[in-house]
Amino acid sequence: MNSLNVKKGDTVLIIAGADKGKKGKILVSYPSRERVTVQGVNMVTRHVKPRRQGEPGGRMEREGTVHVSNVKLVCPKCNKPTKAAHKLIDVDGKLKSRRACSVCAKLID
């Protein structure tokens, strides 16, 4: 399984494609497919059939997935798009890898 430099709840900036320049929050990440779903980005139309009596059918708009190479993490501290650096920090006597902003050098999580 692949690990991504972004995860659910992170704010990201779209750097390529039709929605270039938009910011949004990651709703779902798919590490095995290297894709993420970003709130309000890459809206696709789905035709939905009514499943129960009284339930409306029709066309629904929802977010599609975006390849992880087309998003850039936005640092919550300095609010700038950044590449996630990885720092080793001491946690309870063990070295743990944590994400850090490459612009302001503060820990992201």
Protein backbone atom coordinates (compact mmCIF):
# COMPACT_ATOMS: atom_id res chain seq x y z
CA MET A 1 0.00 0.00 0.00
CA ASN A 2 1.27 3.44 -0.87
CA SER A 3 1.39 6.25 1.66
CA LEU A 4 0.47 9.78 0.68
CA ASN A 5 1.86 13.10 1.90
CA VAL A 6 -1.70 14.39 2.33
CA LYS A 7 -4.52 12.90 4.37
CA LYS A 8 -8.19 13.36 5.22
CA GLY A 9 -8.91 16.77 6.70
CA ASP A 10 -5.91 18.55 5.14
CA THR A 11 -6.47 21.74 3.14
CA VAL A 12 -4.94 21.49 -0.32
CA LEU A 13 -4.45 23.69 -3.37
CA ILE A 14 -5.19 22.30 -6.84
CA ILE A 15 -2.09 22.92 -8.99
CA ALA A 16 -3.20 21.37 -12.31
CA GLY A 17 -6.33 20.72 -14.32
CA ALA A 18 -9.61 22.52 -14.86
CA ASP A 19 -9.92 23.52 -11.19
CA LYS A 20 -6.37 24.92 -10.93
CA GLY A 21 -6.03 27.51 -8.14
CA LYS A 22 -8.96 26.26 -6.03
CA LYS A 23 -8.50 25.36 -2.37
CA GLY A 24 -10.47 22.67 -0.59
CA LYS A 25 -10.49 20.15 2.22
CA ILE A 26 -9.73 16.48 1.57
CA LEU A 27 -12.87 14.43 2.22
CA VAL A 28 -11.56 10.95 1.32
CA SER A 29 -8.15 9.61 0.35
CA TYR A 30 -7.48 6.45 -1.64
CA PRO A 31 -3.79 5.56 -1.05
CA SER A 32 -3.85 2.41 -3.19
CA ARG A 33 -5.08 4.42 -6.20
CA GLU A 34 -3.06 7.56 -5.31
CA ARG A 35 -6.19 9.71 -5.52
CA VAL A 36 -8.06 12.07 -3.19
CA THR A 37 -11.54 13.61 -3.13
CA VAL A 38 -11.42 17.37 -2.49
CA GLN A 39 -14.44 19.37 -1.35
CA GLY A 40 -15.97 21.42 -4.20
CA VAL A 41 -13.40 20.32 -6.80
CA ASN A 42 -13.82 18.20 -9.96
CA MET A 43 -17.62 18.14 -9.77
CA VAL A 44 -19.15 15.30 -11.80
CA THR A 45 -22.79 14.58 -12.64
CA ARG A 46 -24.27 11.22 -11.68
CA HIS A 47 -27.66 10.01 -12.87
CA VAL A 48 -29.46 8.47 -9.90
CA LYS A 49 -32.45 6.14 -10.09
CA PRO A 50 -35.08 6.32 -7.34
CA ARG A 51 -34.56 3.30 -5.05
CA ARG A 52 -37.66 3.58 -2.84
CA GLN A 53 -41.14 4.79 -3.52
CA GLY A 54 -41.36 8.55 -3.07
CA GLU A 55 -37.59 9.01 -3.38
CA PRO A 56 -36.64 11.39 -6.18
CA GLY A 57 -34.31 10.37 -8.97
CA GLY A 58 -32.45 12.67 -11.28
CA ARG A 59 -29.01 14.14 -11.74
CA MET A 60 -26.75 14.66 -8.74
CA GLU A 61 -23.51 16.63 -8.66
CA ARG A 62 -20.75 15.33 -6.43
CA GLU A 63 -16.99 15.50 -6.13
CA GLY A 64 -14.84 13.27 -8.30
CA THR A 65 -11.34 12.14 -7.43
CA VAL A 66 -8.14 14.02 -8.23
CA HIS A 67 -4.68 12.48 -8.59
CA VAL A 68 -2.48 13.28 -5.60
CA SER A 69 0.23 14.77 -7.85
CA ASN A 70 -2.21 17.55 -8.80
CA VAL A 71 -2.67 18.79 -5.22
CA LYS A 72 -0.31 20.66 -2.92
CA LEU A 73 -0.63 20.78 0.86
CA VAL A 74 -1.48 24.17 2.40
CA CYS A 75 0.31 24.78 5.71
CA PRO A 76 -2.21 25.56 8.49
CA LYS A 77 0.34 27.84 10.24
CA CYS A 78 1.63 30.07 7.41
CA ASN A 79 -1.27 29.42 4.97
CA LYS A 80 1.10 28.87 2.01
CA PRO A 81 1.20 25.91 -0.38
CA THR A 82 4.10 23.67 0.56
CA LYS A 83 5.71 20.34 -0.08
CA ALA A 84 5.46 18.21 3.05
CA ALA A 85 8.91 17.63 4.54
CA HIS A 86 9.39 14.78 6.99
CA LYS A 87 11.19 15.34 10.30
CA LEU A 88 12.22 12.79 12.87
CA ILE A 89 11.17 13.86 16.36
CA ASP A 90 11.54 12.18 19.73
CA VAL A 91 8.22 10.94 21.15
CA ASP A 92 8.44 9.01 24.44
CA GLY A 93 11.99 7.90 23.71
CA LYS A 94 11.19 6.72 20.16
CA LEU A 95 11.94 8.49 16.89
CA LYS A 96 8.76 9.22 14.93
CA SER A 97 8.44 10.74 11.47
CA ARG A 98 6.14 13.77 11.36
CA ARG A 99 5.13 16.06 8.50
CA ALA A 100 6.53 19.59 8.52
CA CYS A 101 6.07 22.67 6.37
CA SER A 102 9.04 23.27 4.07
CA VAL A 103 8.31 27.04 4.07
CA CYS A 104 8.01 27.87 7.81
CA ALA A 105 9.49 24.58 9.18
CA LYS A 106 6.66 24.11 11.72
CA LEU A 107 5.11 20.67 12.33
CA ILE A 108 1.84 20.11 10.48
CA ASP A 109 0.50 17.27 12.62
